[in-house]
PDB file of N, CA and C in Angstrom:
ATOM      1  N   GLY A   1       0.673  11.943   9.574  1.00  0.00           N
ATOM      2  CA  GLY A   1      -0.579  11.936  10.260  1.00  0.00           C
ATOM      3  C   GLY A   1      -1.750  11.714   9.309  1.00  0.00           C
ATOM      4  N   PHE A   2      -2.900  12.042   9.802  1.00  0.00           N
ATOM      5  CA  PHE A   2      -4.149  11.813   9.073  1.00  0.00           C
ATOM      6  C   PHE A   2      -4.144  12.489   7.705  1.00  0.00           C
ATOM      7  N   LEU A   3      -3.842  13.778   7.680  1.00  0.00           N
ATOM      8  CA  LEU A   3      -3.861  14.517   6.417  1.00  0.00           C
ATOM      9  C   LEU A   3      -2.829  13.960   5.439  1.00  0.00           C
ATOM     10  N   GLY A   4      -1.670  13.577   5.951  1.00  0.00           N
ATOM     11  CA  GLY A   4      -0.644  12.987   5.086  1.00  0.00           C
ATOM     12  C   GLY A   4      -1.127  11.712   4.417  1.00  0.00           C
ATOM     13  N   ARG A   5      -1.872  10.899   5.156  1.00  0.00           N
ATOM     14  CA  ARG A   5      -2.405   9.668   4.568  1.00  0.00           C
ATOM     15  C   ARG A   5      -3.458   9.973   3.503  1.00  0.00           C
ATOM     16  N   ILE A   6      -4.278  10.981   3.752  1.00  0.00           N
ATOM     17  CA  ILE A   6      -5.268  11.390   2.749  1.00  0.00           C
ATOM     18  C   ILE A   6      -4.553  11.836   1.473  1.00  0.00           C
ATOM     19  N   VAL A   7      -3.502  12.626   1.630  1.00  0.00           N
ATOM     20  CA  VAL A   7      -2.721  13.086   0.474  1.00  0.00           C
ATOM     21  C   VAL A   7      -2.108  11.893  -0.255  1.00  0.00           C
ATOM     22  N   ASP A   8      -1.559  10.941   0.499  1.00  0.00           N
ATOM     23  CA  ASP A   8      -0.959   9.752  -0.120  1.00  0.00           C
ATOM     24  C   ASP A   8      -2.001   8.942  -0.893  1.00  0.00           C
ATOM     25  N   ILE A   9      -3.205   8.831  -0.345  1.00  0.00           N
ATOM     26  CA  ILE A   9      -4.279   8.120  -1.052  1.00  0.00           C
ATOM     27  C   ILE A   9      -4.584   8.835  -2.366  1.00  0.00           C
ATOM     28  N   GLY A  10      -4.700  10.139  -2.312  1.00  0.00           N
ATOM     29  CA  GLY A  10      -4.954  10.911  -3.531  1.00  0.00           C
ATOM     30  C   GLY A  10      -3.845  10.752  -4.552  1.00  0.00           C
ATOM     31  N   ALA A  11      -2.600  10.735  -4.091  1.00  0.00           N
ATOM     32  CA  ALA A  11      -1.465  10.568  -5.006  1.00  0.00           C
ATOM     33  C   ALA A  11      -1.501   9.197  -5.667  1.00  0.00           C
ATOM     34  N   GLU A  12      -1.840   8.175  -4.907  1.00  0.00           N
ATOM     35  CA  GLU A  12      -1.940   6.826  -5.473  1.00  0.00           C
ATOM     36  C   GLU A  12      -3.053   6.766  -6.526  1.00  0.00           C
ATOM     37  N   LEU A  13      -4.202   7.359  -6.214  1.00  0.00           N
ATOM     38  CA  LEU A  13      -5.314   7.349  -7.165  1.00  0.00           C
ATOM     39  C   LEU A  13      -4.957   8.119  -8.434  1.00  0.00           C
ATOM     40  N   PHE A  14      -4.251   9.229  -8.287  1.00  0.00           N
ATOM     41  CA  PHE A  14      -3.812   9.992  -9.454  1.00  0.00           C
ATOM     42  C   PHE A  14      -2.850   9.166 -10.299  1.00  0.00           C
ATOM     43  N   ALA A  15      -1.887   8.505  -9.645  1.00  0.00           N
ATOM     44  CA  ALA A  15      -0.912   7.692 -10.380  1.00  0.00           C
ATOM     45  C   ALA A  15      -1.603   6.535 -11.098  1.00  0.00           C
ATOM     46  N   MET A  16      -2.596   5.930 -10.457  1.00  0.00           N
ATOM     47  CA  MET A  16      -3.347   4.854 -11.101  1.00  0.00           C
ATOM     48  C   MET A  16      -4.049   5.378 -12.351  1.00  0.00           C
ATOM     49  N   SER A  17      -4.686   6.526 -12.212  1.00  0.00           N
ATOM     50  CA  SER A  17      -5.381   7.125 -13.349  1.00  0.00           C
ATOM     51  C   SER A  17      -4.410   7.447 -14.477  1.00  0.00           C
ATOM     52  N   ALA A  18      -3.272   8.015 -14.135  1.00  0.00           N
ATOM     53  CA  ALA A  18      -2.277   8.368 -15.152  1.00  0.00           C
ATOM     54  C   ALA A  18      -1.761   7.129 -15.873  1.00  0.00           C
ATOM     55  N   ALA A  19      -1.517   6.055 -15.129  1.00  0.00           N
ATOM     56  CA  ALA A  19      -1.035   4.814 -15.750  1.00  0.00           C
ATOM     57  C   ALA A  19      -2.078   4.254 -16.714  1.00  0.00           C
ATOM     58  N   CYS A  20      -3.340   4.300 -16.318  1.00  0.00           N
ATOM     59  CA  CYS A  20      -4.409   3.779 -17.188  1.00  0.00           C
ATOM     60  C   CYS A  20      -4.598   4.649 -18.429  1.00  0.00           C
ATOM     61  N   VAL A  21      -4.550   5.959 -18.257  1.00  0.00           N
ATOM     62  CA  VAL A  21      -4.700   6.864 -19.403  1.00  0.00           C
ATOM     63  C   VAL A  21      -3.557   6.665 -20.381  1.00  0.00           C
ATOM     64  N   ARG A  22      -2.342   6.533 -19.864  1.00  0.00           N
ATOM     65  CA  ARG A  22      -1.179   6.316 -20.738  1.00  0.00           C
ATOM     66  C   ARG A  22      -1.307   4.985 -21.477  1.00  0.00           C
ATOM     67  N   ALA A  23      -1.720   3.944 -20.779  1.00  0.00           N
ATOM     68  CA  ALA A  23      -1.883   2.635 -21.420  1.00  0.00           C
ATOM     69  C   ALA A  23      -2.935   2.705 -22.522  1.00  0.00           C
ATOM     70  N   GLU A  24      -4.029   3.399 -22.263  1.00  0.00           N
ATOM     71  CA  GLU A  24      -5.077   3.542 -23.277  1.00  0.00           C
ATOM     72  C   GLU A  24      -4.561   4.339 -24.477  1.00  0.00           C
ATOM     73  N   HIS A  25      -3.778   5.363 -24.215  1.00  0.00           N
ATOM     74  CA  HIS A  25      -3.192   6.146 -25.315  1.00  0.00           C
ATOM     75  C   HIS A  25      -2.287   5.263 -26.174  1.00  0.00           C
ATOM     76  N   LEU A  26      -1.449   4.466 -25.534  1.00  0.00           N
ATOM     77  CA  LEU A  26      -0.549   3.584 -26.284  1.00  0.00           C
ATOM     78  C   LEU A  26      -1.335   2.526 -27.051  1.00  0.00           C
ATOM     79  N   ARG A  27      -2.432   2.034 -26.464  1.00  0.00           N
ATOM     80  CA  ARG A  27      -3.257   1.066 -27.178  1.00  0.00           C
ATOM     81  C   ARG A  27      -3.876   1.713 -28.412  1.00  0.00           C
ATOM     82  N   GLY A  28      -4.306   2.946 -28.269  1.00  0.00           N
ATOM     83  CA  GLY A  28      -4.933   3.649 -29.378  1.00  0.00           C
ATOM     84  C   GLY A  28      -3.979   3.973 -30.511  1.00  0.00           C
ATOM     85  N   THR A  29      -2.708   4.163 -30.179  1.00  0.00           N
ATOM     86  CA  THR A  29      -1.720   4.483 -31.214  1.00  0.00           C
ATOM     87  C   THR A  29      -1.026   3.236 -31.733  1.00  0.00           C
ATOM     88  N   GLY A  30      -1.328   2.080 -31.138  1.00  0.00           N
ATOM     89  CA  GLY A  30      -0.732   0.829 -31.596  1.00  0.00           C
ATOM     90  C   GLY A  30       0.696   0.614 -31.152  1.00  0.00           C
ATOM     91  N   GLU A  31       1.149   1.407 -30.193  1.00  0.00           N
ATOM     92  CA  GLU A  31       2.529   1.282 -29.719  1.00  0.00           C
ATOM     93  C   GLU A  31       2.575   0.519 -28.398  1.00  0.00           C
ATOM     94  N   HIS A  32       2.730  -0.773 -28.455  1.00  0.00           N
ATOM     95  CA  HIS A  32       2.869  -1.614 -27.258  1.00  0.00           C
ATOM     96  C   HIS A  32       1.674  -1.473 -26.316  1.00  0.00           C
ATOM     97  N   GLY A  33       0.485  -1.348 -26.869  1.00  0.00           N
ATOM     98  CA  GLY A  33      -0.711  -1.177 -26.056  1.00  0.00           C
ATOM     99  C   GLY A  33      -0.972  -2.331 -25.116  1.00  0.00           C
ATOM    100  N   ARG A  34      -0.802  -3.551 -25.603  1.00  0.00           N
ATOM    101  CA  ARG A  34      -1.052  -4.721 -24.754  1.00  0.00           C
ATOM    102  C   ARG A  34      -0.095  -4.744 -23.568  1.00  0.00           C
ATOM    103  N   GLU A  35       1.183  -4.516 -23.851  1.00  0.00           N
ATOM    104  CA  GLU A  35       2.180  -4.517 -22.773  1.00  0.00           C
ATOM    105  C   GLU A  35       1.920  -3.373 -21.792  1.00  0.00           C
ATOM    106  N   ALA A  36       1.509  -2.228 -22.324  1.00  0.00           N
ATOM    107  CA  ALA A  36       1.202  -1.087 -21.457  1.00  0.00           C
ATOM    108  C   ALA A  36       0.034  -1.411 -20.529  1.00  0.00           C
ATOM    109  N   TYR A  37      -0.979  -2.101 -21.062  1.00  0.00           N
ATOM    110  CA  TYR A  37      -2.113  -2.515 -20.230  1.00  0.00           C
ATOM    111  C   TYR A  37      -1.655  -3.475 -19.130  1.00  0.00           C
ATOM    112  N   GLN A  38      -0.756  -4.396 -19.471  1.00  0.00           N
ATOM    113  CA  GLN A  38      -0.248  -5.342 -18.474  1.00  0.00           C
ATOM    114  C   GLN A  38       0.473  -4.604 -17.348  1.00  0.00           C
ATOM    115  N   LEU A  39       1.307  -3.633 -17.731  1.00  0.00           N
ATOM    116  CA  LEU A  39       2.041  -2.872 -16.718  1.00  0.00           C
ATOM    117  C   LEU A  39       1.100  -2.007 -15.881  1.00  0.00           C
ATOM    118  N   ALA A  40       0.127  -1.380 -16.527  1.00  0.00           N
ATOM    119  CA  ALA A  40      -0.836  -0.558 -15.791  1.00  0.00           C
ATOM    120  C   ALA A  40      -1.651  -1.422 -14.833  1.00  0.00           C
ATOM    121  N   ASP A  41      -2.024  -2.616 -15.274  1.00  0.00           N
ATOM    122  CA  ASP A  41      -2.773  -3.530 -14.415  1.00  0.00           C
ATOM    123  C   ASP A  41      -1.951  -3.915 -13.192  1.00  0.00           C
ATOM    124  N   ALA A  42      -0.686  -4.266 -13.410  1.00  0.00           N
ATOM    125  CA  ALA A  42       0.185  -4.639 -12.284  1.00  0.00           C
ATOM    126  C   ALA A  42       0.343  -3.462 -11.324  1.00  0.00           C
ATOM    127  N   PHE A  43       0.594  -2.281 -11.877  1.00  0.00           N
ATOM    128  CA  PHE A  43       0.765  -1.101 -11.032  1.00  0.00           C
ATOM    129  C   PHE A  43      -0.497  -0.817 -10.224  1.00  0.00           C
ATOM    130  N   CYS A  44      -1.654  -0.881 -10.869  1.00  0.00           N
ATOM    131  CA  CYS A  44      -2.906  -0.569 -10.182  1.00  0.00           C
ATOM    132  C   CYS A  44      -3.245  -1.598  -9.109  1.00  0.00           C
ATOM    133  N   ARG A  45      -2.937  -2.856  -9.357  1.00  0.00           N
ATOM    134  CA  ARG A  45      -3.176  -3.873  -8.320  1.00  0.00           C
ATOM    135  C   ARG A  45      -2.301  -3.607  -7.098  1.00  0.00           C
ATOM    136  N   GLN A  46      -1.032  -3.244  -7.341  1.00  0.00           N
ATOM    137  CA  GLN A  46      -0.127  -2.926  -6.234  1.00  0.00           C
ATOM    138  C   GLN A  46      -0.587  -1.662  -5.508  1.00  0.00           C
ATOM    139  N   ALA A  47      -0.997  -0.659  -6.279  1.00  0.00           N
ATOM    140  CA  ALA A  47      -1.449   0.600  -5.686  1.00  0.00           C
ATOM    141  C   ALA A  47      -2.714   0.394  -4.860  1.00  0.00           C
ATOM    142  N   ARG A  48      -3.591  -0.479  -5.324  1.00  0.00           N
ATOM    143  CA  ARG A  48      -4.826  -0.757  -4.585  1.00  0.00           C
ATOM    144  C   ARG A  48      -4.496  -1.295  -3.188  1.00  0.00           C
ATOM    145  N   ILE A  49      -3.490  -2.147  -3.097  1.00  0.00           N
ATOM    146  CA  ILE A  49      -3.067  -2.680  -1.793  1.00  0.00           C
ATOM    147  C   ILE A  49      -2.542  -1.548  -0.912  1.00  0.00           C
ATOM    148  N   ARG A  50      -1.738  -0.658  -1.507  1.00  0.00           N
ATOM    149  CA  ARG A  50      -1.209   0.471  -0.739  1.00  0.00           C
ATOM    150  C   ARG A  50      -2.341   1.384  -0.265  1.00  0.00           C
ATOM    151  N   VAL A  51      -3.322   1.633  -1.120  1.00  0.00           N
ATOM    152  CA  VAL A  51      -4.449   2.501  -0.758  1.00  0.00           C
ATOM    153  C   VAL A  51      -5.264   1.866   0.366  1.00  0.00           C
ATOM    154  N   GLU A  52      -5.521   0.574   0.277  1.00  0.00           N
ATOM    155  CA  GLU A  52      -6.270  -0.104   1.340  1.00  0.00           C
ATOM    156  C   GLU A  52      -5.540   0.015   2.670  1.00  0.00           C
ATOM    157  N   GLU A  53      -4.224  -0.141   2.648  1.00  0.00           N
ATOM    158  CA  GLU A  53      -3.429  -0.005   3.872  1.00  0.00           C
ATOM    159  C   GLU A  53      -3.508   1.426   4.406  1.00  0.00           C
ATOM    160  N   LEU A  54      -3.425   2.400   3.516  1.00  0.00           N
ATOM    161  CA  LEU A  54      -3.520   3.796   3.948  1.00  0.00           C
ATOM    162  C   LEU A  54      -4.888   4.097   4.560  1.00  0.00           C
ATOM    163  N   PHE A  55      -5.961   3.564   3.979  1.00  0.00           N
ATOM    164  CA  PHE A  55      -7.293   3.756   4.561  1.00  0.00           C
ATOM    165  C   PHE A  55      -7.369   3.117   5.948  1.00  0.00           C
ATOM    166  N   THR A  56      -6.796   1.929   6.097  1.00  0.00           N
ATOM    167  CA  THR A  56      -6.780   1.269   7.405  1.00  0.00           C
ATOM    168  C   THR A  56      -6.038   2.120   8.423  1.00  0.00           C
ATOM    169  N   ARG A  57      -4.911   2.688   8.003  1.00  0.00           N
ATOM    170  CA  ARG A  57      -4.081   3.490   8.903  1.00  0.00           C
ATOM    171  C   ARG A  57      -4.695   4.846   9.250  1.00  0.00           C
ATOM    172  N   LEU A  58      -5.766   5.233   8.547  1.00  0.00           N
ATOM    173  CA  LEU A  58      -6.448   6.467   8.946  1.00  0.00           C
ATOM    174  C   LEU A  58      -6.972   6.345  10.372  1.00  0.00           C
ATOM    175  N   TRP A  59      -7.439   5.154  10.728  1.00  0.00           N
ATOM    176  CA  TRP A  59      -8.083   4.960  12.028  1.00  0.00           C
ATOM    177  C   TRP A  59      -7.264   4.097  12.969  1.00  0.00           C
ATOM    178  N   SER A  60      -6.306   3.351  12.456  1.00  0.00           N
ATOM    179  CA  SER A  60      -5.472   2.483  13.290  1.00  0.00           C
ATOM    180  C   SER A  60      -4.023   2.887  13.083  1.00  0.00           C
ATOM    181  N   ASN A  61      -3.498   3.701  14.015  1.00  0.00           N
ATOM    182  CA  ASN A  61      -2.143   4.224  13.857  1.00  0.00           C
ATOM    183  C   ASN A  61      -1.562   4.601  15.214  1.00  0.00           C
ATOM    184  N   THR A  62      -0.361   5.106  15.201  1.00  0.00           N
ATOM    185  CA  THR A  62       0.312   5.520  16.435  1.00  0.00           C
ATOM    186  C   THR A  62       0.493   7.037  16.477  1.00  0.00           C
ATOM    187  N   ASP A  63      -0.367   7.777  15.815  1.00  0.00           N
ATOM    188  CA  ASP A  63      -0.208   9.230  15.723  1.00  0.00           C
ATOM    189  C   ASP A  63      -0.139   9.915  17.088  1.00  0.00           C
ATOM    190  N   ASP A  64      -1.016   9.533  18.023  1.00  0.00           N
ATOM    191  CA  ASP A  64      -1.013  10.182  19.339  1.00  0.00           C
ATOM    192  C   ASP A  64       0.303   9.928  20.065  1.00  0.00           C
ATOM    193  N   LEU A  65       0.763   8.684  20.048  1.00  0.00           N
ATOM    194  CA  LEU A  65       2.042   8.354  20.671  1.00  0.00           C
ATOM    195  C   LEU A  65       3.181   9.091  19.977  1.00  0.00           C
ATOM    196  N   ASP A  66       3.157   9.093  18.653  1.00  0.00           N
ATOM    197  CA  ASP A  66       4.208   9.776  17.893  1.00  0.00           C
ATOM    198  C   ASP A  66       4.274  11.253  18.268  1.00  0.00           C
ATOM    199  N   ARG A  67       3.111  11.879  18.417  1.00  0.00           N
ATOM    200  CA  ARG A  67       3.062  13.296  18.775  1.00  0.00           C
ATOM    201  C   ARG A  67       3.683  13.529  20.153  1.00  0.00           C
ATOM    202  N   ARG A  68       3.414  12.631  21.110  1.00  0.00           N
ATOM    203  CA  ARG A  68       3.995  12.770  22.447  1.00  0.00           C
ATOM    204  C   ARG A  68       5.510  12.595  22.404  1.00  0.00           C
ATOM    205  N   VAL A  69       5.987  11.638  21.598  1.00  0.00           N
ATOM    206  CA  VAL A  69       7.429  11.427  21.475  1.00  0.00           C
ATOM    207  C   VAL A  69       8.092  12.648  20.840  1.00  0.00           C
ATOM    208  N   VAL A  70       7.488  13.194  19.806  1.00  0.00           N
ATOM    209  CA  VAL A  70       8.038  14.394  19.160  1.00  0.00           C
ATOM    210  C   VAL A  70       8.116  15.542  20.158  1.00  0.00           C
ATOM    211  N   ASP A  71       7.074  15.720  20.948  1.00  0.00           N
ATOM    212  CA  ASP A  71       7.105  16.770  21.971  1.00  0.00           C
ATOM    213  C   ASP A  71       8.271  16.546  22.927  1.00  0.00           C
ATOM    214  N   GLY A  72       8.514  15.287  23.291  1.00  0.00           N
ATOM    215  CA  GLY A  72       9.635  14.967  24.167  1.00  0.00           C
ATOM    216  C   GLY A  72      10.980  15.251  23.520  1.00  0.00           C
ATOM    217  N   VAL A  73      11.114  14.925  22.249  1.00  0.00           N
ATOM    218  CA  VAL A  73      12.364  15.202  21.531  1.00  0.00           C
ATOM    219  C   VAL A  73      12.612  16.702  21.497  1.00  0.00           C
ATOM    220  N   LEU A  74      11.589  17.467  21.155  1.00  0.00           N
ATOM    221  CA  LEU A  74      11.747  18.918  21.040  1.00  0.00           C
ATOM    222  C   LEU A  74      12.013  19.587  22.383  1.00  0.00           C
ATOM    223  N   SER A  75      11.506  19.012  23.462  1.00  0.00           N
ATOM    224  CA  SER A  75      11.717  19.607  24.785  1.00  0.00           C
ATOM    225  C   SER A  75      13.011  19.133  25.440  1.00  0.00           C
ATOM    226  N   GLY A  76      13.710  18.190  24.813  1.00  0.00           N
ATOM    227  CA  GLY A  76      14.989  17.732  25.356  1.00  0.00           C
ATOM    228  C   GLY A  76      14.884  16.550  26.297  1.00  0.00           C
ATOM    229  N   THR A  77      13.740  15.918  26.399  1.00  0.00           N
ATOM    230  CA  THR A  77      13.539  14.793  27.303  1.00  0.00           C
ATOM    231  C   THR A  77      14.482  13.628  27.004  1.00  0.00           C
ATOM    232  N   TYR A  78      14.843  13.450  25.751  1.00  0.00           N
ATOM    233  CA  TYR A  78      15.621  12.278  25.358  1.00  0.00           C
ATOM    234  C   TYR A  78      17.080  12.588  25.029  1.00  0.00           C
ATOM    235  N   THR A  79      17.582  13.732  25.462  1.00  0.00           N
ATOM    236  CA  THR A  79      18.976  14.073  25.138  1.00  0.00           C
ATOM    237  C   THR A  79      19.959  13.085  25.766  1.00  0.00           C
ATOM    238  N   TRP A  80      19.551  12.397  26.837  1.00  0.00           N
ATOM    239  CA  TRP A  80      20.412  11.404  27.474  1.00  0.00           C
ATOM    240  C   TRP A  80      20.832  10.319  26.487  1.00  0.00           C
ATOM    241  N   LEU A  81      20.002  10.073  25.492  1.00  0.00           N
ATOM    242  CA  LEU A  81      20.285   9.029  24.516  1.00  0.00           C
ATOM    243  C   LEU A  81      21.497   9.371  23.662  1.00  0.00           C
ATOM    244  N   GLU A  82      21.796  10.656  23.532  1.00  0.00           N
ATOM    245  CA  GLU A  82      22.917  11.095  22.709  1.00  0.00           C
ATOM    246  C   GLU A  82      24.256  10.989  23.432  1.00  0.00           C
ATOM    247  N   GLU A  83      24.232  10.787  24.744  1.00  0.00           N
ATOM    248  CA  GLU A  83      25.470  10.726  25.518  1.00  0.00           C
ATOM    249  C   GLU A  83      26.328   9.554  25.064  1.00  0.00           C
ATOM    250  N   GLY A  84      27.604   9.835  24.803  1.00  0.00           N
ATOM    251  CA  GLY A  84      28.536   8.793  24.405  1.00  0.00           C
ATOM    252  C   GLY A  84      28.528   8.464  22.928  1.00  0.00           C
ATOM    253  N   VAL A  85      27.695   9.119  22.151  1.00  0.00           N
ATOM    254  CA  VAL A  85      27.655   8.866  20.711  1.00  0.00           C
ATOM    255  C   VAL A  85      28.887   9.493  20.076  1.00  0.00           C
ATOM    256  N   VAL A  86      29.600   8.706  19.276  1.00  0.00           N
ATOM    257  CA  VAL A  86      30.805   9.190  18.616  1.00  0.00           C
ATOM    258  C   VAL A  86      30.411  10.006  17.392  1.00  0.00           C
ATOM    259  N   ASP A  87      31.013  11.173  17.239  1.00  0.00           N
ATOM    260  CA  ASP A  87      30.745  12.031  16.086  1.00  0.00           C
ATOM    261  C   ASP A  87      31.413  11.419  14.863  1.00  0.00           C
ATOM    262  N   PRO A  88      30.630  10.941  13.884  1.00  0.00           N
ATOM    263  CA  PRO A  88      31.206  10.260  12.724  1.00  0.00           C
ATOM    264  C   PRO A  88      31.784  11.205  11.676  1.00  0.00           C
ATOM    265  N   SER A  89      31.609  12.507  11.862  1.00  0.00           N
ATOM    266  CA  SER A  89      32.015  13.433  10.811  1.00  0.00           C
ATOM    267  C   SER A  89      33.526  13.522  10.658  1.00  0.00           C
ATOM    268  N   GLY A  90      34.273  13.354  11.751  1.00  0.00           N
ATOM    269  CA  GLY A  90      35.728  13.450  11.649  1.00  0.00           C
ATOM    270  C   GLY A  90      36.143  14.798  11.106  1.00  0.00           C
ATOM    271  N   GLU A  91      37.233  14.811  10.374  1.00  0.00           N
ATOM    272  CA  GLU A  91      37.712  16.044   9.767  1.00  0.00           C
ATOM    273  C   GLU A  91      37.013  16.275   8.439  1.00  0.00           C
ATOM    274  N   GLY A  92      36.824  17.500   8.083  1.00  0.00           N
ATOM    275  CA  GLY A  92      36.250  17.820   6.784  1.00  0.00           C
ATOM    276  C   GLY A  92      34.776  18.139   6.865  1.00  0.00           C
ATOM    277  N   PRO A  93      34.207  18.511   5.724  1.00  0.00           N
ATOM    278  CA  PRO A  93      32.805  18.923   5.700  1.00  0.00           C
ATOM    279  C   PRO A  93      31.851  17.735   5.769  1.00  0.00           C
ATOM    280  N   TRP A  94      30.647  17.991   6.280  1.00  0.00           N
ATOM    281  CA  TRP A  94      29.611  16.966   6.320  1.00  0.00           C
ATOM    282  C   TRP A  94      29.051  16.706   4.937  1.00  0.00           C
ATOM    283  N   ILE A  95      29.048  17.748   4.112  1.00  0.00           N
ATOM    284  CA  ILE A  95      28.482  17.637   2.771  1.00  0.00           C
ATOM    285  C   ILE A  95      29.593  17.850   1.759  1.00  0.00           C
ATOM    286  N   ALA A  96      29.657  16.968   0.760  1.00  0.00           N
ATOM    287  CA  ALA A  96      30.692  17.066  -0.266  1.00  0.00           C
ATOM    288  C   ALA A  96      30.534  18.352  -1.070  1.00  0.00           C
ATOM    289  N   ASP A  97      31.634  18.809  -1.619  1.00  0.00           N
ATOM    290  CA  ASP A  97      31.632  20.007  -2.448  1.00  0.00           C
ATOM    291  C   ASP A  97      30.732  19.797  -3.662  1.00  0.00           C
ATOM    292  N   ALA A  98      29.945  20.796  -3.982  1.00  0.00           N
ATOM    293  CA  ALA A  98      29.029  20.710  -5.124  1.00  0.00           C
ATOM    294  C   ALA A  98      29.259  21.884  -6.065  1.00  0.00           C
ATOM    295  N   THR A  99      30.532  22.130  -6.369  1.00  0.00           N
ATOM    296  CA  THR A  99      30.856  23.220  -7.277  1.00  0.00           C
ATOM    297  C   THR A  99      30.257  22.928  -8.646  1.00  0.00           C
ATOM    298  N   PRO A 100      29.507  23.879  -9.215  1.00  0.00           N
ATOM    299  CA  PRO A 100      28.893  23.652 -10.529  1.00  0.00           C
ATOM    300  C   PRO A 100      29.941  23.447 -11.616  1.00  0.00           C
ATOM    301  N   GLY A 101      29.565  22.679 -12.607  1.00  0.00           N
ATOM    302  CA  GLY A 101      30.451  22.443 -13.740  1.00  0.00           C
ATOM    303  C   GLY A 101      30.263  21.045 -14.281  1.00  0.00           C
ATOM    304  N   PRO A 102      30.918  20.751 -15.391  1.00  0.00           N
ATOM    305  CA  PRO A 102      30.780  19.419 -15.983  1.00  0.00           C
ATOM    306  C   PRO A 102      31.416  18.353 -15.092  1.00  0.00           C
ATOM    307  N   SER A 103      30.865  17.167 -15.167  1.00  0.00           N
ATOM    308  CA  SER A 103      31.390  16.053 -14.389  1.00  0.00           C
ATOM    309  C   SER A 103      32.757  15.650 -14.914  1.00  0.00           C
ATOM    310  N   VAL A 104      33.600  15.203 -14.000  1.00  0.00           N
ATOM    311  CA  VAL A 104      34.919  14.715 -14.409  1.00  0.00           C
ATOM    312  C   VAL A 104      34.900  13.203 -14.565  1.00  0.00           C
ATOM    313  N   ARG A 105      33.758  12.596 -14.287  1.00  0.00           N
ATOM    314  CA  ARG A 105      33.615  11.147 -14.414  1.00  0.00           C
ATOM    315  C   ARG A 105      32.929  10.788 -15.722  1.00  0.00           C
ATOM    316  N   GLU A 106      33.162   9.558 -16.172  1.00  0.00           N
ATOM    317  CA  GLU A 106      32.523   9.056 -17.383  1.00  0.00           C
ATOM    318  C   GLU A 106      31.020   8.918 -17.148  1.00  0.00           C
ATOM    319  N   ASN A 107      30.206   9.312 -18.135  1.00  0.00           N
ATOM    320  CA  ASN A 107      28.756   9.191 -18.054  1.00  0.00           C
ATOM    321  C   ASN A 107      28.372   7.738 -18.308  1.00  0.00           C
ATOM    322  N   ARG A 108      27.841   7.070 -17.292  1.00  0.00           N
ATOM    323  CA  ARG A 108      27.463   5.662 -17.411  1.00  0.00           C
ATOM    324  C   ARG A 108      25.953   5.473 -17.445  1.00  0.00           C
ATOM    325  N   HIS A 109      25.231   6.558 -17.559  1.00  0.00           N
ATOM    326  CA  HIS A 109      23.771   6.465 -17.624  1.00  0.00           C
ATOM    327  C   HIS A 109      23.341   5.920 -18.977  1.00  0.00           C
ATOM    328  N   ARG A 110      22.274   5.157 -18.951  1.00  0.00           N
ATOM    329  CA  ARG A 110      21.716   4.608 -20.182  1.00  0.00           C
ATOM    330  C   ARG A 110      21.037   5.736 -20.940  1.00  0.00           C
ATOM    331  N   PRO A 111      21.403   5.928 -22.205  1.00  0.00           N
ATOM    332  CA  PRO A 111      20.761   7.009 -22.963  1.00  0.00           C
ATOM    333  C   PRO A 111      19.280   6.703 -23.214  1.00  0.00           C
ATOM    334  N   VAL A 112      18.460   7.719 -23.120  1.00  0.00           N
ATOM    335  CA  VAL A 112      17.033   7.583 -23.369  1.00  0.00           C
ATOM    336  C   VAL A 112      16.723   8.327 -24.660  1.00  0.00           C
ATOM    337  N   HIS A 113      16.136   7.611 -25.606  1.00  0.00           N
ATOM    338  CA  HIS A 113      15.851   8.228 -26.909  1.00  0.00           C
ATOM    339  C   HIS A 113      14.381   8.371 -27.117  1.00  0.00           C
TER     340      HIS A 113
END
């Protein structure tokens, strides 16, 4: 809804600021500053488009309709839609076992140094 879009706009602006501050820091230390600026520029241009869309959606959206549909879902108006749906769970648990411990699979992640 409205508040969620405001929060998303703030998050985008924060991320833009963080990208620019990081790029400036890298430029100041001489560590790939030019490339960092290029990446920050690309990110900020993309984020600007997302922010403009979020501002547009503050006033042009389907929030009222969505709220009515949610009320219908919660009140059971649409339970007819579930009729005849095959339960895909079959035998066994819906969620895989997550017993703590070391992985038994080979680590294929790229090491970060």
